[in-house]
Amino acid sequence: MADDREESLEERRAQLGAKLATRRIEAGKDEADEARAEVSRKGYAQAMKLSSEFISAVVVGAVLGYLFDRFVGTAPWGLMVLLLLGFGAGVLNVMRAAGKVSKPSPASRSDDNK
């Protein structure tokens, strides 16, 4: 009777070991899917950040140009110039955020003042 019990325990242990192995494989697949989804979310967040920086720079340039024209009376010129400056600032911000252009270091700025 003790042998039957030992054999049934061994069978049960083998079955549980097999189920555990399949669950571990499934969990590994789930973790891999979650890692890919996390990379995708990070890319989407980076794209939203870059696009919002660019759009905000252009909009700020346009608004400042419009206000400049409104108060000074230089009809289209202030808007055109500041819109182009906003576009340039937006491109520069995107390039800096993407890591294509390095940010100016504080050491080089202090050297210019001397």
PDB file of N, CA and C in Angstrom:
ATOM      1  N   MET A   1       0.820  -1.187   0.000  1.00  0.00           N
ATOM      2  CA  MET A   1       0.000   0.000   0.000  1.00  0.00           C
ATOM      3  C   MET A   1       0.866   1.253   0.000  1.00  0.00           C
ATOM      4  N   ALA A   2       1.982   1.152   0.696  1.00  0.00           N
ATOM      5  CA  ALA A   2       2.887   2.296   0.729  1.00  0.00           C
ATOM      6  C   ALA A   2       3.488   2.528  -0.651  1.00  0.00           C
ATOM      7  N   ASP A   3       3.748   1.405  -1.406  1.00  0.00           N
ATOM      8  CA  ASP A   3       4.298   1.548  -2.752  1.00  0.00           C
ATOM      9  C   ASP A   3       3.300   2.209  -3.694  1.00  0.00           C
ATOM     10  N   ASP A   4       2.027   1.847  -3.569  1.00  0.00           N
ATOM     11  CA  ASP A   4       1.001   2.471  -4.419  1.00  0.00           C
ATOM     12  C   ASP A   4       0.923   3.966  -4.155  1.00  0.00           C
ATOM     13  N   ARG A   5       1.005   4.300  -2.889  1.00  0.00           N
ATOM     14  CA  ARG A   5       0.944   5.720  -2.527  1.00  0.00           C
ATOM     15  C   ARG A   5       2.177   6.460  -3.057  1.00  0.00           C
ATOM     16  N   GLU A   6       3.338   5.852  -2.941  1.00  0.00           N
ATOM     17  CA  GLU A   6       4.570   6.457  -3.460  1.00  0.00           C
ATOM     18  C   GLU A   6       4.482   6.640  -4.972  1.00  0.00           C
ATOM     19  N   GLU A   7       3.974   5.613  -5.667  1.00  0.00           N
ATOM     20  CA  GLU A   7       3.850   5.704  -7.130  1.00  0.00           C
ATOM     21  C   GLU A   7       2.852   6.788  -7.533  1.00  0.00           C
ATOM     22  N   SER A   8       1.727   6.885  -6.827  1.00  0.00           N
ATOM     23  CA  SER A   8       0.744   7.905  -7.167  1.00  0.00           C
ATOM     24  C   SER A   8       1.295   9.303  -6.878  1.00  0.00           C
ATOM     25  N   LEU A   9       2.082   9.439  -5.819  1.00  0.00           N
ATOM     26  CA  LEU A   9       2.712  10.727  -5.534  1.00  0.00           C
ATOM     27  C   LEU A   9       3.724  11.100  -6.622  1.00  0.00           C
ATOM     28  N   GLU A  10       4.459  10.103  -7.087  1.00  0.00           N
ATOM     29  CA  GLU A  10       5.438  10.359  -8.157  1.00  0.00           C
ATOM     30  C   GLU A  10       4.734  10.745  -9.445  1.00  0.00           C
ATOM     31  N   GLU A  11       3.619  10.060  -9.757  1.00  0.00           N
ATOM     32  CA  GLU A  11       2.860  10.413 -10.958  1.00  0.00           C
ATOM     33  C   GLU A  11       2.306  11.838 -10.846  1.00  0.00           C
ATOM     34  N   ARG A  12       1.765  12.136  -9.675  1.00  0.00           N
ATOM     35  CA  ARG A  12       1.212  13.468  -9.444  1.00  0.00           C
ATOM     36  C   ARG A  12       2.305  14.533  -9.546  1.00  0.00           C
ATOM     37  N   ARG A  13       3.479  14.244  -8.980  1.00  0.00           N
ATOM     38  CA  ARG A  13       4.602  15.170  -9.049  1.00  0.00           C
ATOM     39  C   ARG A  13       5.042  15.377 -10.500  1.00  0.00           C
ATOM     40  N   ALA A  14       5.070  14.324 -11.293  1.00  0.00           N
ATOM     41  CA  ALA A  14       5.459  14.435 -12.695  1.00  0.00           C
ATOM     42  C   ALA A  14       4.436  15.267 -13.472  1.00  0.00           C
ATOM     43  N   GLN A  15       3.141  15.039 -13.201  1.00  0.00           N
ATOM     44  CA  GLN A  15       2.097  15.811 -13.869  1.00  0.00           C
ATOM     45  C   GLN A  15       2.198  17.296 -13.506  1.00  0.00           C
ATOM     46  N   LEU A  16       2.399  17.567 -12.226  1.00  0.00           N
ATOM     47  CA  LEU A  16       2.526  18.957 -11.799  1.00  0.00           C
ATOM     48  C   LEU A  16       3.769  19.616 -12.391  1.00  0.00           C
ATOM     49  N   GLY A  17       4.858  18.841 -12.458  1.00  0.00           N
ATOM     50  CA  GLY A  17       6.078  19.370 -13.074  1.00  0.00           C
ATOM     51  C   GLY A  17       5.871  19.716 -14.536  1.00  0.00           C
ATOM     52  N   ALA A  18       5.133  18.892 -15.257  1.00  0.00           N
ATOM     53  CA  ALA A  18       4.854  19.154 -16.673  1.00  0.00           C
ATOM     54  C   ALA A  18       3.970  20.389 -16.822  1.00  0.00           C
ATOM     55  N   LYS A  19       2.939  20.492 -15.979  1.00  0.00           N
ATOM     56  CA  LYS A  19       2.067  21.671 -16.036  1.00  0.00           C
ATOM     57  C   LYS A  19       2.840  22.946 -15.701  1.00  0.00           C
ATOM     58  N   LEU A  20       3.705  22.835 -14.706  1.00  0.00           N
ATOM     59  CA  LEU A  20       4.508  23.993 -14.317  1.00  0.00           C
ATOM     60  C   LEU A  20       5.442  24.414 -15.448  1.00  0.00           C
ATOM     61  N   ALA A  21       6.018  23.452 -16.140  1.00  0.00           N
ATOM     62  CA  ALA A  21       6.908  23.768 -17.252  1.00  0.00           C
ATOM     63  C   ALA A  21       6.148  24.480 -18.372  1.00  0.00           C
ATOM     64  N   THR A  22       4.922  24.009 -18.681  1.00  0.00           N
ATOM     65  CA  THR A  22       4.155  24.671 -19.736  1.00  0.00           C
ATOM     66  C   THR A  22       3.744  26.079 -19.311  1.00  0.00           C
ATOM     67  N   ARG A  23       3.410  26.250 -18.044  1.00  0.00           N
ATOM     68  CA  ARG A  23       3.048  27.591 -17.560  1.00  0.00           C
ATOM     69  C   ARG A  23       4.239  28.535 -17.628  1.00  0.00           C
ATOM     70  N   ARG A  24       5.423  28.033 -17.315  1.00  0.00           N
ATOM     71  CA  ARG A  24       6.621  28.874 -17.389  1.00  0.00           C
ATOM     72  C   ARG A  24       6.885  29.305 -18.827  1.00  0.00           C
ATOM     73  N   ILE A  25       6.680  28.403 -19.778  1.00  0.00           N
ATOM     74  CA  ILE A  25       6.875  28.748 -21.187  1.00  0.00           C
ATOM     75  C   ILE A  25       5.864  29.803 -21.606  1.00  0.00           C
ATOM     76  N   GLU A  26       4.606  29.625 -21.197  1.00  0.00           N
ATOM     77  CA  GLU A  26       3.574  30.608 -21.522  1.00  0.00           C
ATOM     78  C   GLU A  26       3.879  31.960 -20.868  1.00  0.00           C
ATOM     79  N   ALA A  27       4.359  31.932 -19.634  1.00  0.00           N
ATOM     80  CA  ALA A  27       4.706  33.185 -18.946  1.00  0.00           C
ATOM     81  C   ALA A  27       5.859  33.882 -19.658  1.00  0.00           C
ATOM     82  N   GLY A  28       6.811  33.105 -20.157  1.00  0.00           N
ATOM     83  CA  GLY A  28       7.926  33.692 -20.911  1.00  0.00           C
ATOM     84  C   GLY A  28       7.445  34.368 -22.178  1.00  0.00           C
ATOM     85  N   LYS A  29       6.471  33.757 -22.854  1.00  0.00           N
ATOM     86  CA  LYS A  29       5.901  34.372 -24.051  1.00  0.00           C
ATOM     87  C   LYS A  29       5.166  35.659 -23.684  1.00  0.00           C
ATOM     88  N   ASP A  30       4.421  35.628 -22.591  1.00  0.00           N
ATOM     89  CA  ASP A  30       3.705  36.826 -22.149  1.00  0.00           C
ATOM     90  C   ASP A  30       4.671  37.943 -21.800  1.00  0.00           C
ATOM     91  N   GLU A  31       5.769  37.601 -21.145  1.00  0.00           N
ATOM     92  CA  GLU A  31       6.769  38.615 -20.789  1.00  0.00           C
ATOM     93  C   GLU A  31       7.409  39.207 -22.039  1.00  0.00           C
ATOM     94  N   ALA A  32       7.670  38.369 -23.037  1.00  0.00           N
ATOM     95  CA  ALA A  32       8.250  38.865 -24.284  1.00  0.00           C
ATOM     96  C   ALA A  32       7.269  39.791 -25.005  1.00  0.00           C
ATOM     97  N   ASP A  33       5.985  39.410 -25.010  1.00  0.00           N
ATOM     98  CA  ASP A  33       4.972  40.276 -25.630  1.00  0.00           C
ATOM     99  C   ASP A  33       4.870  41.603 -24.896  1.00  0.00           C
ATOM    100  N   GLU A  34       4.931  41.559 -23.578  1.00  0.00           N
ATOM    101  CA  GLU A  34       4.853  42.788 -22.783  1.00  0.00           C
ATOM    102  C   GLU A  34       6.075  43.669 -23.025  1.00  0.00           C
ATOM    103  N   ALA A  35       7.246  43.068 -23.194  1.00  0.00           N
ATOM    104  CA  ALA A  35       8.458  43.845 -23.470  1.00  0.00           C
ATOM    105  C   ALA A  35       8.353  44.541 -24.829  1.00  0.00           C
ATOM    106  N   ARG A  36       7.819  43.826 -25.825  1.00  0.00           N
ATOM    107  CA  ARG A  36       7.637  44.451 -27.144  1.00  0.00           C
ATOM    108  C   ARG A  36       6.618  45.579 -27.069  1.00  0.00           C
ATOM    109  N   ALA A  37       5.568  45.382 -26.309  1.00  0.00           N
ATOM    110  CA  ALA A  37       4.552  46.431 -26.162  1.00  0.00           C
ATOM    111  C   ALA A  37       5.142  47.648 -25.452  1.00  0.00           C
ATOM    112  N   GLU A  38       6.003  47.417 -24.474  1.00  0.00           N
ATOM    113  CA  GLU A  38       6.635  48.525 -23.753  1.00  0.00           C
ATOM    114  C   GLU A  38       7.527  49.341 -24.683  1.00  0.00           C
ATOM    115  N   VAL A  39       8.267  48.678 -25.545  1.00  0.00           N
ATOM    116  CA  VAL A  39       9.113  49.379 -26.513  1.00  0.00           C
ATOM    117  C   VAL A  39       8.241  50.200 -27.461  1.00  0.00           C
ATOM    118  N   SER A  40       7.123  49.631 -27.870  1.00  0.00           N
ATOM    119  CA  SER A  40       6.214  50.345 -28.760  1.00  0.00           C
ATOM    120  C   SER A  40       5.633  51.582 -28.072  1.00  0.00           C
ATOM    121  N   ARG A  41       5.268  51.440 -26.798  1.00  0.00           N
ATOM    122  CA  ARG A  41       4.724  52.582 -26.061  1.00  0.00           C
ATOM    123  C   ARG A  41       5.765  53.674 -25.893  1.00  0.00           C
ATOM    124  N   LYS A  42       7.002  53.284 -25.639  1.00  0.00           N
ATOM    125  CA  LYS A  42       8.063  54.287 -25.498  1.00  0.00           C
ATOM    126  C   LYS A  42       8.287  55.037 -26.807  1.00  0.00           C
ATOM    127  N   GLY A  43       8.245  54.331 -27.912  1.00  0.00           N
ATOM    128  CA  GLY A  43       8.402  54.976 -29.213  1.00  0.00           C
ATOM    129  C   GLY A  43       7.271  55.940 -29.499  1.00  0.00           C
ATOM    130  N   TYR A  44       6.051  55.545 -29.162  1.00  0.00           N
ATOM    131  CA  TYR A  44       4.899  56.416 -29.367  1.00  0.00           C
ATOM    132  C   TYR A  44       5.009  57.664 -28.491  1.00  0.00           C
ATOM    133  N   ALA A  45       5.438  57.487 -27.255  1.00  0.00           N
ATOM    134  CA  ALA A  45       5.598  58.633 -26.352  1.00  0.00           C
ATOM    135  C   ALA A  45       6.673  59.591 -26.874  1.00  0.00           C
ATOM    136  N   GLN A  46       7.754  59.041 -27.389  1.00  0.00           N
ATOM    137  CA  GLN A  46       8.830  59.877 -27.942  1.00  0.00           C
ATOM    138  C   GLN A  46       8.320  60.646 -29.170  1.00  0.00           C
ATOM    139  N   ALA A  47       7.539  59.982 -30.021  1.00  0.00           N
ATOM    140  CA  ALA A  47       6.999  60.655 -31.208  1.00  0.00           C
ATOM    141  C   ALA A  47       6.050  61.771 -30.816  1.00  0.00           C
ATOM    142  N   MET A  48       5.219  61.540 -29.820  1.00  0.00           N
ATOM    143  CA  MET A  48       4.293  62.583 -29.366  1.00  0.00           C
ATOM    144  C   MET A  48       5.054  63.769 -28.773  1.00  0.00           C
ATOM    145  N   LYS A  49       6.112  63.473 -28.034  1.00  0.00           N
ATOM    146  CA  LYS A  49       6.917  64.543 -27.432  1.00  0.00           C
ATOM    147  C   LYS A  49       7.572  65.398 -28.508  1.00  0.00           C
ATOM    148  N   LEU A  50       8.177  64.746 -29.485  1.00  0.00           N
ATOM    149  CA  LEU A  50       8.873  65.481 -30.547  1.00  0.00           C
ATOM    150  C   LEU A  50       7.894  66.302 -31.379  1.00  0.00           C
ATOM    151  N   SER A  51       6.755  65.719 -31.723  1.00  0.00           N
ATOM    152  CA  SER A  51       5.797  66.466 -32.539  1.00  0.00           C
ATOM    153  C   SER A  51       5.198  67.638 -31.771  1.00  0.00           C
ATOM    154  N   SER A  52       4.931  67.452 -30.496  1.00  0.00           N
ATOM    155  CA  SER A  52       4.368  68.569 -29.727  1.00  0.00           C
ATOM    156  C   SER A  52       5.393  69.685 -29.539  1.00  0.00           C
ATOM    157  N   GLU A  53       6.668  69.347 -29.378  1.00  0.00           N
ATOM    158  CA  GLU A  53       7.696  70.388 -29.281  1.00  0.00           C
ATOM    159  C   GLU A  53       7.787  71.192 -30.575  1.00  0.00           C
ATOM    160  N   PHE A  54       7.738  70.505 -31.692  1.00  0.00           N
ATOM    161  CA  PHE A  54       7.835  71.194 -32.977  1.00  0.00           C
ATOM    162  C   PHE A  54       6.617  72.092 -33.208  1.00  0.00           C
ATOM    163  N   ILE A  55       5.438  71.549 -33.002  1.00  0.00           N
ATOM    164  CA  ILE A  55       4.214  72.312 -33.253  1.00  0.00           C
ATOM    165  C   ILE A  55       4.113  73.514 -32.316  1.00  0.00           C
ATOM    166  N   SER A  56       4.485  73.323 -31.058  1.00  0.00           N
ATOM    167  CA  SER A  56       4.392  74.444 -30.119  1.00  0.00           C
ATOM    168  C   SER A  56       5.358  75.570 -30.497  1.00  0.00           C
ATOM    169  N   ALA A  57       6.539  75.236 -30.982  1.00  0.00           N
ATOM    170  CA  ALA A  57       7.490  76.279 -31.382  1.00  0.00           C
ATOM    171  C   ALA A  57       6.957  77.068 -32.572  1.00  0.00           C
ATOM    172  N   VAL A  58       6.355  76.400 -33.525  1.00  0.00           N
ATOM    173  CA  VAL A  58       5.805  77.091 -34.693  1.00  0.00           C
ATOM    174  C   VAL A  58       4.623  77.966 -34.282  1.00  0.00           C
ATOM    175  N   VAL A  59       3.758  77.444 -33.411  1.00  0.00           N
ATOM    176  CA  VAL A  59       2.584  78.212 -32.976  1.00  0.00           C
ATOM    177  C   VAL A  59       3.015  79.445 -32.175  1.00  0.00           C
ATOM    178  N   VAL A  60       3.984  79.285 -31.295  1.00  0.00           N
ATOM    179  CA  VAL A  60       4.466  80.430 -30.513  1.00  0.00           C
ATOM    180  C   VAL A  60       5.072  81.486 -31.433  1.00  0.00           C
ATOM    181  N   GLY A  61       5.841  81.062 -32.417  1.00  0.00           N
ATOM    182  CA  GLY A  61       6.397  82.018 -33.369  1.00  0.00           C
ATOM    183  C   GLY A  61       5.316  82.756 -34.136  1.00  0.00           C
ATOM    184  N   ALA A  62       4.269  82.041 -34.558  1.00  0.00           N
ATOM    185  CA  ALA A  62       3.177  82.674 -35.300  1.00  0.00           C
ATOM    186  C   ALA A  62       2.405  83.662 -34.417  1.00  0.00           C
ATOM    187  N   VAL A  63       2.141  83.277 -33.188  1.00  0.00           N
ATOM    188  CA  VAL A  63       1.391  84.168 -32.286  1.00  0.00           C
ATOM    189  C   VAL A  63       2.209  85.420 -31.970  1.00  0.00           C
ATOM    190  N   LEU A  64       3.479  85.234 -31.672  1.00  0.00           N
ATOM    191  CA  LEU A  64       4.318  86.408 -31.396  1.00  0.00           C
ATOM    192  C   LEU A  64       4.425  87.312 -32.618  1.00  0.00           C
ATOM    193  N   GLY A  65       4.540  86.730 -33.809  1.00  0.00           N
ATOM    194  CA  GLY A  65       4.589  87.522 -35.037  1.00  0.00           C
ATOM    195  C   GLY A  65       3.302  88.279 -35.271  1.00  0.00           C
ATOM    196  N   TYR A  66       2.183  87.632 -35.025  1.00  0.00           N
ATOM    197  CA  TYR A  66       0.895  88.302 -35.189  1.00  0.00           C
ATOM    198  C   TYR A  66       0.758  89.464 -34.208  1.00  0.00           C
ATOM    199  N   LEU A  67       1.115  89.216 -32.955  1.00  0.00           N
ATOM    200  CA  LEU A  67       1.031  90.282 -31.953  1.00  0.00           C
ATOM    201  C   LEU A  67       1.985  91.428 -32.277  1.00  0.00           C
ATOM    202  N   PHE A  68       3.174  91.095 -32.739  1.00  0.00           N
ATOM    203  CA  PHE A  68       4.142  92.125 -33.131  1.00  0.00           C
ATOM    204  C   PHE A  68       3.574  92.984 -34.261  1.00  0.00           C
ATOM    205  N   ASP A  69       3.014  92.336 -35.259  1.00  0.00           N
ATOM    206  CA  ASP A  69       2.408  93.077 -36.373  1.00  0.00           C
ATOM    207  C   ASP A  69       1.229  93.920 -35.909  1.00  0.00           C
ATOM    208  N   ARG A  70       0.470  93.409 -35.004  1.00  0.00           N
ATOM    209  CA  ARG A  70      -0.729  94.107 -34.521  1.00  0.00           C
ATOM    210  C   ARG A  70      -0.355  95.404 -33.798  1.00  0.00           C
ATOM    211  N   PHE A  71       0.678  95.323 -32.952  1.00  0.00           N
ATOM    212  CA  PHE A  71       1.042  96.498 -32.154  1.00  0.00           C
ATOM    213  C   PHE A  71       1.977  97.457 -32.883  1.00  0.00           C
ATOM    214  N   VAL A  72       2.834  96.961 -33.728  1.00  0.00           N
ATOM    215  CA  VAL A  72       3.809  97.810 -34.405  1.00  0.00           C
ATOM    216  C   VAL A  72       3.289  98.268 -35.761  1.00  0.00           C
ATOM    217  N   GLY A  73       2.464  97.446 -36.403  1.00  0.00           N
ATOM    218  CA  GLY A  73       1.898  97.832 -37.687  1.00  0.00           C
ATOM    219  C   GLY A  73       2.760  97.461 -38.874  1.00  0.00           C
ATOM    220  N   THR A  74       3.547  96.435 -38.759  1.00  0.00           N
ATOM    221  CA  THR A  74       4.407  95.992 -39.859  1.00  0.00           C
ATOM    222  C   THR A  74       3.772  94.813 -40.588  1.00  0.00           C
ATOM    223  N   ALA A  75       2.541  94.954 -40.919  1.00  0.00           N
ATOM    224  CA  ALA A  75       1.597  93.935 -41.395  1.00  0.00           C
ATOM    225  C   ALA A  75       2.150  92.528 -41.614  1.00  0.00           C
ATOM    226  N   PRO A  76       2.602  92.087 -42.744  1.00  0.00           N
ATOM    227  CA  PRO A  76       2.909  90.659 -42.816  1.00  0.00           C
ATOM    228  C   PRO A  76       4.320  90.295 -42.373  1.00  0.00           C
ATOM    229  N   TRP A  77       5.207  91.284 -42.221  1.00  0.00           N
ATOM    230  CA  TRP A  77       6.620  90.979 -42.042  1.00  0.00           C
ATOM    231  C   TRP A  77       6.948  90.379 -40.676  1.00  0.00           C
ATOM    232  N   GLY A  78       6.393  90.880 -39.644  1.00  0.00           N
ATOM    233  CA  GLY A  78       6.659  90.321 -38.317  1.00  0.00           C
ATOM    234  C   GLY A  78       6.179  88.886 -38.212  1.00  0.00           C
ATOM    235  N   LEU A  79       4.992  88.624 -38.765  1.00  0.00           N
ATOM    236  CA  LEU A  79       4.451  87.262 -38.748  1.00  0.00           C
ATOM    237  C   LEU A  79       5.335  86.318 -39.547  1.00  0.00           C
ATOM    238  N   MET A  80       5.759  86.743 -40.722  1.00  0.00           N
ATOM    239  CA  MET A  80       6.586  85.868 -41.559  1.00  0.00           C
ATOM    240  C   MET A  80       7.939  85.578 -40.905  1.00  0.00           C
ATOM    241  N   VAL A  81       8.582  86.622 -40.388  1.00  0.00           N
ATOM    242  CA  VAL A  81       9.910  86.439 -39.799  1.00  0.00           C
ATOM    243  C   VAL A  81       9.833  85.570 -38.541  1.00  0.00           C
ATOM    244  N   LEU A  82       8.894  85.894 -37.648  1.00  0.00           N
ATOM    245  CA  LEU A  82       8.810  85.126 -36.408  1.00  0.00           C
ATOM    246  C   LEU A  82       8.265  83.714 -36.636  1.00  0.00           C
ATOM    247  N   LEU A  83       7.455  83.525 -37.664  1.00  0.00           N
ATOM    248  CA  LEU A  83       7.007  82.179 -38.008  1.00  0.00           C
ATOM    249  C   LEU A  83       8.183  81.331 -38.485  1.00  0.00           C
ATOM    250  N   LEU A  84       9.039  81.917 -39.296  1.00  0.00           N
ATOM    251  CA  LEU A  84      10.232  81.191 -39.751  1.00  0.00           C
ATOM    252  C   LEU A  84      11.196  80.922 -38.591  1.00  0.00           C
ATOM    253  N   LEU A  85      11.328  81.904 -37.693  1.00  0.00           N
ATOM    254  CA  LEU A  85      12.171  81.667 -36.517  1.00  0.00           C
ATOM    255  C   LEU A  85      11.588  80.566 -35.629  1.00  0.00           C
ATOM    256  N   GLY A  86      10.272  80.534 -35.483  1.00  0.00           N
ATOM    257  CA  GLY A  86       9.618  79.474 -34.726  1.00  0.00           C
ATOM    258  C   GLY A  86       9.823  78.117 -35.368  1.00  0.00           C
ATOM    259  N   PHE A  87       9.755  78.081 -36.699  1.00  0.00           N
ATOM    260  CA  PHE A  87      10.012  76.836 -37.415  1.00  0.00           C
ATOM    261  C   PHE A  87      11.436  76.357 -37.180  1.00  0.00           C
ATOM    262  N   GLY A  88      12.378  77.277 -37.283  1.00  0.00           N
ATOM    263  CA  GLY A  88      13.785  76.923 -37.036  1.00  0.00           C
ATOM    264  C   GLY A  88      14.008  76.458 -35.609  1.00  0.00           C
ATOM    265  N   ALA A  89      13.388  77.138 -34.654  1.00  0.00           N
ATOM    266  CA  ALA A  89      13.523  76.731 -33.250  1.00  0.00           C
ATOM    267  C   ALA A  89      12.900  75.364 -33.027  1.00  0.00           C
ATOM    268  N   GLY A  90      11.776  75.094 -33.689  1.00  0.00           N
ATOM    269  CA  GLY A  90      11.133  73.786 -33.560  1.00  0.00           C
ATOM    270  C   GLY A  90      12.003  72.672 -34.112  1.00  0.00           C
ATOM    271  N   VAL A  91      12.596  72.908 -35.259  1.00  0.00           N
ATOM    272  CA  VAL A  91      13.494  71.904 -35.846  1.00  0.00           C
ATOM    273  C   VAL A  91      14.693  71.675 -34.937  1.00  0.00           C
ATOM    274  N   LEU A  92      15.267  72.743 -34.402  1.00  0.00           N
ATOM    275  CA  LEU A  92      16.415  72.611 -33.511  1.00  0.00           C
ATOM    276  C   LEU A  92      16.038  71.841 -32.241  1.00  0.00           C
ATOM    277  N   ASN A  93      14.871  72.126 -31.666  1.00  0.00           N
ATOM    278  CA  ASN A  93      14.424  71.403 -30.473  1.00  0.00           C
ATOM    279  C   ASN A  93      14.236  69.920 -30.758  1.00  0.00           C
ATOM    280  N   VAL A  94      13.661  69.600 -31.904  1.00  0.00           N
ATOM    281  CA  VAL A  94      13.458  68.196 -32.261  1.00  0.00           C
ATOM    282  C   VAL A  94      14.792  67.501 -32.454  1.00  0.00           C
ATOM    283  N   MET A  95      15.721  68.167 -33.120  1.00  0.00           N
ATOM    284  CA  MET A  95      17.042  67.564 -33.337  1.00  0.00           C
ATOM    285  C   MET A  95      17.773  67.349 -32.015  1.00  0.00           C
ATOM    286  N   ARG A  96      17.658  68.300 -31.099  1.00  0.00           N
ATOM    287  CA  ARG A  96      18.293  68.141 -29.788  1.00  0.00           C
ATOM    288  C   ARG A  96      17.662  67.004 -29.001  1.00  0.00           C
ATOM    289  N   ALA A  97      16.338  66.933 -29.021  1.00  0.00           N
ATOM    290  CA  ALA A  97      15.647  65.883 -28.271  1.00  0.00           C
ATOM    291  C   ALA A  97      15.933  64.508 -28.867  1.00  0.00           C
ATOM    292  N   ALA A  98      16.102  64.431 -30.171  1.00  0.00           N
ATOM    293  CA  ALA A  98      16.395  63.161 -30.819  1.00  0.00           C
ATOM    294  C   ALA A  98      17.860  62.774 -30.664  1.00  0.00           C
ATOM    295  N   GLY A  99      18.689  63.699 -30.192  1.00  0.00           N
ATOM    296  CA  GLY A  99      20.103  63.395 -29.976  1.00  0.00           C
ATOM    297  C   GLY A  99      20.969  63.604 -31.195  1.00  0.00           C
ATOM    298  N   LYS A 100      20.446  64.253 -32.217  1.00  0.00           N
ATOM    299  CA  LYS A 100      21.226  64.488 -33.432  1.00  0.00           C
ATOM    300  C   LYS A 100      22.115  65.716 -33.314  1.00  0.00           C
ATOM    301  N   VAL A 101      21.727  66.658 -32.470  1.00  0.00           N
ATOM    302  CA  VAL A 101      22.511  67.875 -32.250  1.00  0.00           C
ATOM    303  C   VAL A 101      22.761  67.968 -30.755  1.00  0.00           C
ATOM    304  N   SER A 102      24.000  68.219 -30.388  1.00  0.00           N
ATOM    305  CA  SER A 102      24.301  68.293 -28.954  1.00  0.00           C
ATOM    306  C   SER A 102      23.882  69.637 -28.393  1.00  0.00           C
ATOM    307  N   LYS A 103      23.540  69.633 -27.128  1.00  0.00           N
ATOM    308  CA  LYS A 103      23.165  70.866 -26.438  1.00  0.00           C
ATOM    309  C   LYS A 103      24.430  71.651 -26.112  1.00  0.00           C
ATOM    310  N   PRO A 104      24.370  72.964 -26.128  1.00  0.00           N
ATOM    311  CA  PRO A 104      25.564  73.744 -25.786  1.00  0.00           C
ATOM    312  C   PRO A 104      25.939  73.514 -24.326  1.00  0.00           C
ATOM    313  N   SER A 105      27.218  73.299 -24.092  1.00  0.00           N
ATOM    314  CA  SER A 105      27.664  73.041 -22.723  1.00  0.00           C
ATOM    315  C   SER A 105      27.855  74.356 -21.977  1.00  0.00           C
ATOM    316  N   PRO A 106      27.626  74.370 -20.665  1.00  0.00           N
ATOM    317  CA  PRO A 106      27.806  75.603 -19.891  1.00  0.00           C
ATOM    318  C   PRO A 106      29.250  76.100 -19.910  1.00  0.00           C
ATOM    319  N   ALA A 107      30.219  75.207 -20.044  1.00  0.00           N
ATOM    320  CA  ALA A 107      31.621  75.609 -20.055  1.00  0.00           C
ATOM    321  C   ALA A 107      31.923  76.465 -21.284  1.00  0.00           C
ATOM    322  N   SER A 108      31.372  76.114 -22.426  1.00  0.00           N
ATOM    323  CA  SER A 108      31.635  76.888 -23.644  1.00  0.00           C
ATOM    324  C   SER A 108      30.939  78.241 -23.590  1.00  0.00           C
ATOM    325  N   ARG A 109      29.830  78.329 -22.895  1.00  0.00           N
ATOM    326  CA  ARG A 109      29.139  79.611 -22.764  1.00  0.00           C
ATOM    327  C   ARG A 109      29.919  80.561 -21.883  1.00  0.00           C
ATOM    328  N   SER A 110      30.519  80.058 -20.814  1.00  0.00           N
ATOM    329  CA  SER A 110      31.282  80.924 -19.925  1.00  0.00           C
ATOM    330  C   SER A 110      32.575  81.385 -20.607  1.00  0.00           C
ATOM    331  N   ASP A 111      33.137  80.573 -21.492  1.00  0.00           N
ATOM    332  CA  ASP A 111      34.340  80.973 -22.231  1.00  0.00           C
ATOM    333  C   ASP A 111      34.023  82.108 -23.207  1.00  0.00           C
ATOM    334  N   ASP A 112      32.813  82.116 -23.767  1.00  0.00           N
ATOM    335  CA  ASP A 112      32.442  83.164 -24.713  1.00  0.00           C
ATOM    336  C   ASP A 112      32.293  84.517 -24.019  1.00  0.00           C
ATOM    337  N   ASN A 113      31.928  84.527 -22.766  1.00  0.00           N
ATOM    338  CA  ASN A 113      31.711  85.781 -22.032  1.00  0.00           C
ATOM    339  C   ASN A 113      33.023  86.453 -21.625  1.00  0.00           C
ATOM    340  N   LYS A 114      34.111  85.754 -21.622  1.00  0.00           N
ATOM    341  CA  LYS A 114      35.395  86.305 -21.186  1.00  0.00           C
ATOM    342  C   LYS A 114      36.085  87.088 -22.260  1.00  0.00           C
TER     343      LYS A 114
END
